Amino acid sequence: MLLHLPDGYTPELVRDALAAKIKTLPEVLRASLTWDQGPEMGKWKQVSVDADIDIYFCDPHAPWQRATNENTVSLGVARLGWSGRLVPAA
């Protein structure tokens, strides 16, 4: 799930955008949310209430607990190499 945050990613801005986005998802996809330890989720309790969703946090240094897409990207970067651009390094 991607959020448009043109004004930054403070905990308050993330809270409002995330709660609104979660409410647009089909019920079957709204069972829970797993997040890493980022400071942008400082208002996670309010997101949980506003979006009526359970929120869990990954343990530090436990990448297998992160979302599938995050692990897939990491594996691709490690295998293919990445220059920091949006295309693989040549």
N, C-alpha and C. Protein backbone atom coordinates (compact mmCIF):
# COMPACT_ATOMS: atom_id res chain seq x y z
N MET A 1 0.85 -1.16 0.00
CA MET A 1 0.00 0.00 0.00
C MET A 1 0.90 1.22 0.00
N LEU A 2 0.67 2.11 -0.93
CA LEU A 2 1.45 3.34 -1.04
C LEU A 2 0.57 4.52 -0.64
N LEU A 3 1.20 5.48 0.02
CA LEU A 3 0.49 6.69 0.43
C LEU A 3 1.15 7.90 -0.21
N HIS A 4 0.36 8.84 -0.63
CA HIS A 4 0.87 10.11 -1.16
C HIS A 4 1.00 11.07 0.02
N LEU A 5 2.22 11.48 0.33
CA LEU A 5 2.49 12.37 1.46
C LEU A 5 3.29 13.58 0.98
N PRO A 6 2.65 14.48 0.25
CA PRO A 6 3.38 15.62 -0.33
C PRO A 6 3.92 16.60 0.70
N ASP A 7 3.38 16.60 1.89
CA ASP A 7 3.80 17.56 2.92
C ASP A 7 4.74 16.97 3.96
N GLY A 8 5.27 15.77 3.70
CA GLY A 8 6.19 15.14 4.63
C GLY A 8 5.60 13.89 5.24
N TYR A 9 6.35 13.28 6.13
CA TYR A 9 5.88 12.03 6.75
C TYR A 9 6.01 12.09 8.27
N THR A 10 5.46 13.15 8.84
CA THR A 10 5.39 13.24 10.30
C THR A 10 4.38 12.21 10.80
N PRO A 11 4.46 11.84 12.06
CA PRO A 11 3.49 10.87 12.58
C PRO A 11 2.04 11.30 12.37
N GLU A 12 1.76 12.59 12.47
CA GLU A 12 0.38 13.07 12.30
C GLU A 12 -0.08 12.93 10.85
N LEU A 13 0.79 13.27 9.90
CA LEU A 13 0.43 13.15 8.48
C LEU A 13 0.27 11.69 8.07
N VAL A 14 1.18 10.84 8.55
CA VAL A 14 1.08 9.41 8.25
C VAL A 14 -0.19 8.83 8.86
N ARG A 15 -0.48 9.22 10.09
CA ARG A 15 -1.69 8.73 10.77
C ARG A 15 -2.93 9.01 9.95
N ASP A 16 -3.11 10.25 9.52
CA ASP A 16 -4.32 10.63 8.78
C ASP A 16 -4.40 9.93 7.43
N ALA A 17 -3.29 9.92 6.69
CA ALA A 17 -3.29 9.30 5.36
C ALA A 17 -3.47 7.79 5.45
N LEU A 18 -2.82 7.17 6.42
CA LEU A 18 -2.90 5.71 6.55
C LEU A 18 -4.29 5.26 6.96
N ALA A 19 -4.88 5.93 7.92
CA ALA A 19 -6.22 5.56 8.35
C ALA A 19 -7.23 5.71 7.20
N ALA A 20 -7.09 6.80 6.44
CA ALA A 20 -8.01 7.01 5.31
C ALA A 20 -7.81 5.94 4.25
N LYS A 21 -6.57 5.58 3.95
CA LYS A 21 -6.29 4.58 2.92
C LYS A 21 -6.78 3.20 3.35
N ILE A 22 -6.55 2.84 4.59
CA ILE A 22 -6.99 1.53 5.07
C ILE A 22 -8.50 1.38 4.94
N LYS A 23 -9.22 2.44 5.19
CA LYS A 23 -10.69 2.38 5.10
C LYS A 23 -11.18 2.11 3.68
N THR A 24 -10.33 2.33 2.66
CA THR A 24 -10.73 2.09 1.27
C THR A 24 -10.50 0.64 0.85
N LEU A 25 -9.76 -0.13 1.66
CA LEU A 25 -9.46 -1.51 1.32
C LEU A 25 -10.67 -2.41 1.55
N PRO A 26 -10.77 -3.49 0.77
CA PRO A 26 -11.82 -4.47 1.03
C PRO A 26 -11.65 -5.06 2.44
N GLU A 27 -12.72 -5.43 3.05
CA GLU A 27 -12.73 -5.94 4.42
C GLU A 27 -11.72 -7.08 4.62
N VAL A 28 -11.61 -7.96 3.64
CA VAL A 28 -10.73 -9.11 3.77
C VAL A 28 -9.26 -8.70 3.90
N LEU A 29 -8.89 -7.54 3.41
CA LEU A 29 -7.51 -7.07 3.49
C LEU A 29 -7.24 -6.21 4.72
N ARG A 30 -8.25 -5.99 5.52
CA ARG A 30 -8.10 -5.08 6.66
C ARG A 30 -7.99 -5.81 8.00
N ALA A 31 -7.51 -7.02 8.00
CA ALA A 31 -7.42 -7.77 9.25
C ALA A 31 -6.34 -7.20 10.17
N SER A 32 -5.17 -6.87 9.60
CA SER A 32 -4.08 -6.35 10.42
C SER A 32 -3.06 -5.65 9.53
N LEU A 33 -2.17 -4.93 10.17
CA LEU A 33 -1.09 -4.22 9.50
C LEU A 33 0.19 -4.51 10.27
N THR A 34 1.25 -4.87 9.56
CA THR A 34 2.55 -5.08 10.20
C THR A 34 3.49 -4.02 9.69
N TRP A 35 4.17 -3.35 10.61
CA TRP A 35 5.02 -2.21 10.29
C TRP A 35 6.39 -2.45 10.88
N ASP A 36 7.40 -1.83 10.27
CA ASP A 36 8.72 -1.91 10.90
C ASP A 36 8.80 -0.85 12.01
N GLN A 37 9.95 -0.58 12.52
CA GLN A 37 10.09 0.27 13.70
C GLN A 37 10.24 1.76 13.38
N GLY A 38 9.79 2.23 12.24
CA GLY A 38 9.97 3.62 11.83
C GLY A 38 9.24 4.62 12.72
N PRO A 39 9.83 5.80 12.92
CA PRO A 39 9.23 6.83 13.77
C PRO A 39 7.95 7.44 13.19
N GLU A 40 7.72 7.26 11.89
CA GLU A 40 6.52 7.81 11.28
C GLU A 40 5.25 7.16 11.80
N MET A 41 5.37 6.04 12.50
CA MET A 41 4.19 5.38 13.07
C MET A 41 4.01 5.73 14.54
N GLY A 42 4.50 6.91 14.94
CA GLY A 42 4.38 7.34 16.32
C GLY A 42 2.94 7.46 16.80
N LYS A 43 2.01 7.63 15.89
CA LYS A 43 0.58 7.76 16.23
C LYS A 43 -0.19 6.49 15.88
N TRP A 44 0.47 5.34 16.01
CA TRP A 44 -0.13 4.09 15.58
C TRP A 44 -1.40 3.73 16.34
N LYS A 45 -1.48 4.09 17.59
CA LYS A 45 -2.68 3.75 18.36
C LYS A 45 -3.92 4.43 17.78
N GLN A 46 -3.76 5.67 17.34
CA GLN A 46 -4.90 6.38 16.76
C GLN A 46 -5.26 5.81 15.39
N VAL A 47 -4.25 5.40 14.61
CA VAL A 47 -4.53 4.75 13.33
C VAL A 47 -5.34 3.48 13.57
N SER A 48 -4.94 2.72 14.57
CA SER A 48 -5.64 1.48 14.90
C SER A 48 -7.11 1.74 15.22
N VAL A 49 -7.37 2.78 15.99
CA VAL A 49 -8.74 3.13 16.36
C VAL A 49 -9.50 3.66 15.15
N ASP A 50 -8.91 4.63 14.44
CA ASP A 50 -9.59 5.27 13.31
C ASP A 50 -9.92 4.29 12.19
N ALA A 51 -9.00 3.36 11.92
CA ALA A 51 -9.19 2.42 10.81
C ALA A 51 -9.77 1.09 11.25
N ASP A 52 -9.96 0.91 12.56
CA ASP A 52 -10.49 -0.34 13.10
C ASP A 52 -9.66 -1.53 12.62
N ILE A 53 -8.35 -1.46 12.91
CA ILE A 53 -7.42 -2.49 12.46
C ILE A 53 -6.41 -2.77 13.56
N ASP A 54 -5.96 -4.02 13.65
CA ASP A 54 -4.89 -4.37 14.58
C ASP A 54 -3.56 -4.04 13.93
N ILE A 55 -2.65 -3.43 14.67
CA ILE A 55 -1.33 -3.08 14.15
C ILE A 55 -0.28 -3.81 14.96
N TYR A 56 0.64 -4.44 14.24
CA TYR A 56 1.76 -5.16 14.84
C TYR A 56 3.06 -4.55 14.34
N PHE A 57 4.11 -4.67 15.13
CA PHE A 57 5.41 -4.16 14.73
C PHE A 57 6.41 -5.30 14.62
N CYS A 58 7.26 -5.22 13.60
CA CYS A 58 8.31 -6.21 13.43
C CYS A 58 9.34 -6.04 14.53
N ASP A 59 9.94 -7.14 14.92
CA ASP A 59 11.04 -7.07 15.86
C ASP A 59 12.26 -6.46 15.15
N PRO A 60 13.08 -5.71 15.87
CA PRO A 60 14.30 -5.18 15.25
C PRO A 60 15.17 -6.33 14.72
N HIS A 61 15.79 -6.10 13.60
CA HIS A 61 16.71 -7.06 12.98
C HIS A 61 16.00 -8.38 12.63
N ALA A 62 14.74 -8.30 12.25
CA ALA A 62 13.98 -9.49 11.85
C ALA A 62 13.30 -9.22 10.50
N PRO A 63 14.08 -9.14 9.41
CA PRO A 63 13.50 -8.77 8.11
C PRO A 63 12.45 -9.74 7.60
N TRP A 64 12.46 -10.98 8.06
CA TRP A 64 11.46 -11.95 7.60
C TRP A 64 10.07 -11.60 8.10
N GLN A 65 9.95 -10.69 9.05
CA GLN A 65 8.65 -10.29 9.55
C GLN A 65 8.04 -9.15 8.73
N ARG A 66 8.84 -8.56 7.86
CA ARG A 66 8.33 -7.46 7.04
C ARG A 66 7.47 -7.99 5.91
N ALA A 67 6.82 -7.08 5.25
CA ALA A 67 5.92 -7.45 4.15
C ALA A 67 6.66 -8.16 3.03
N THR A 68 5.95 -8.98 2.27
CA THR A 68 6.53 -9.74 1.18
C THR A 68 7.21 -8.84 0.16
N ASN A 69 6.55 -7.72 -0.20
CA ASN A 69 7.14 -6.86 -1.22
C ASN A 69 8.45 -6.25 -0.74
N GLU A 70 8.57 -5.92 0.52
CA GLU A 70 9.80 -5.35 1.05
C GLU A 70 10.93 -6.37 1.00
N ASN A 71 10.64 -7.62 1.34
CA ASN A 71 11.65 -8.67 1.26
C ASN A 71 12.03 -8.95 -0.18
N THR A 72 11.06 -8.96 -1.08
CA THR A 72 11.32 -9.24 -2.49
C THR A 72 12.23 -8.17 -3.08
N VAL A 73 11.95 -6.93 -2.79
CA VAL A 73 12.78 -5.83 -3.30
C VAL A 73 14.20 -5.97 -2.75
N SER A 74 14.33 -6.26 -1.47
CA SER A 74 15.65 -6.41 -0.86
C SER A 74 16.43 -7.55 -1.51
N LEU A 75 15.76 -8.66 -1.77
CA LEU A 75 16.43 -9.79 -2.41
C LEU A 75 16.87 -9.44 -3.82
N GLY A 76 16.01 -8.74 -4.56
CA GLY A 76 16.36 -8.32 -5.92
C GLY A 76 17.54 -7.37 -5.93
N VAL A 77 17.55 -6.44 -5.01
CA VAL A 77 18.66 -5.48 -4.93
C VAL A 77 19.95 -6.22 -4.60
N ALA A 78 19.89 -7.14 -3.66
CA ALA A 78 21.09 -7.88 -3.27
C ALA A 78 21.61 -8.73 -4.43
N ARG A 79 20.70 -9.32 -5.18
CA ARG A 79 21.11 -10.23 -6.26
C ARG A 79 21.55 -9.47 -7.50
N LEU A 80 20.82 -8.43 -7.86
CA LEU A 80 21.09 -7.72 -9.11
C LEU A 80 22.02 -6.53 -8.93
N GLY A 81 22.11 -6.03 -7.72
CA GLY A 81 22.85 -4.79 -7.50
C GLY A 81 21.95 -3.61 -7.83
N TRP A 82 22.18 -2.50 -7.18
CA TRP A 82 21.32 -1.35 -7.41
C TRP A 82 22.13 -0.09 -7.25
N SER A 83 21.97 0.81 -8.18
CA SER A 83 22.78 2.03 -8.20
C SER A 83 22.15 3.17 -7.40
N GLY A 84 20.96 2.97 -6.85
CA GLY A 84 20.25 4.04 -6.17
C GLY A 84 19.25 4.71 -7.10
N ARG A 85 19.30 4.36 -8.38
CA ARG A 85 18.31 4.87 -9.33
C ARG A 85 17.15 3.89 -9.38
N LEU A 86 16.15 4.21 -10.16
CA LEU A 86 14.97 3.35 -10.24
C LEU A 86 15.14 2.22 -11.23
N VAL A 87 16.34 2.04 -11.76
CA VAL A 87 16.61 0.93 -12.67
C VAL A 87 17.81 0.17 -12.13
N PRO A 88 17.91 -1.14 -12.38
CA PRO A 88 19.07 -1.89 -11.90
C PRO A 88 20.37 -1.36 -12.50
N ALA A 89 21.44 -1.49 -11.76
CA ALA A 89 22.75 -1.07 -12.24
C ALA A 89 23.15 -1.90 -13.45
N ALA A 90 23.85 -1.30 -14.37
CA ALA A 90 24.27 -2.00 -15.58
C ALA A 90 25.46 -2.90 -15.32
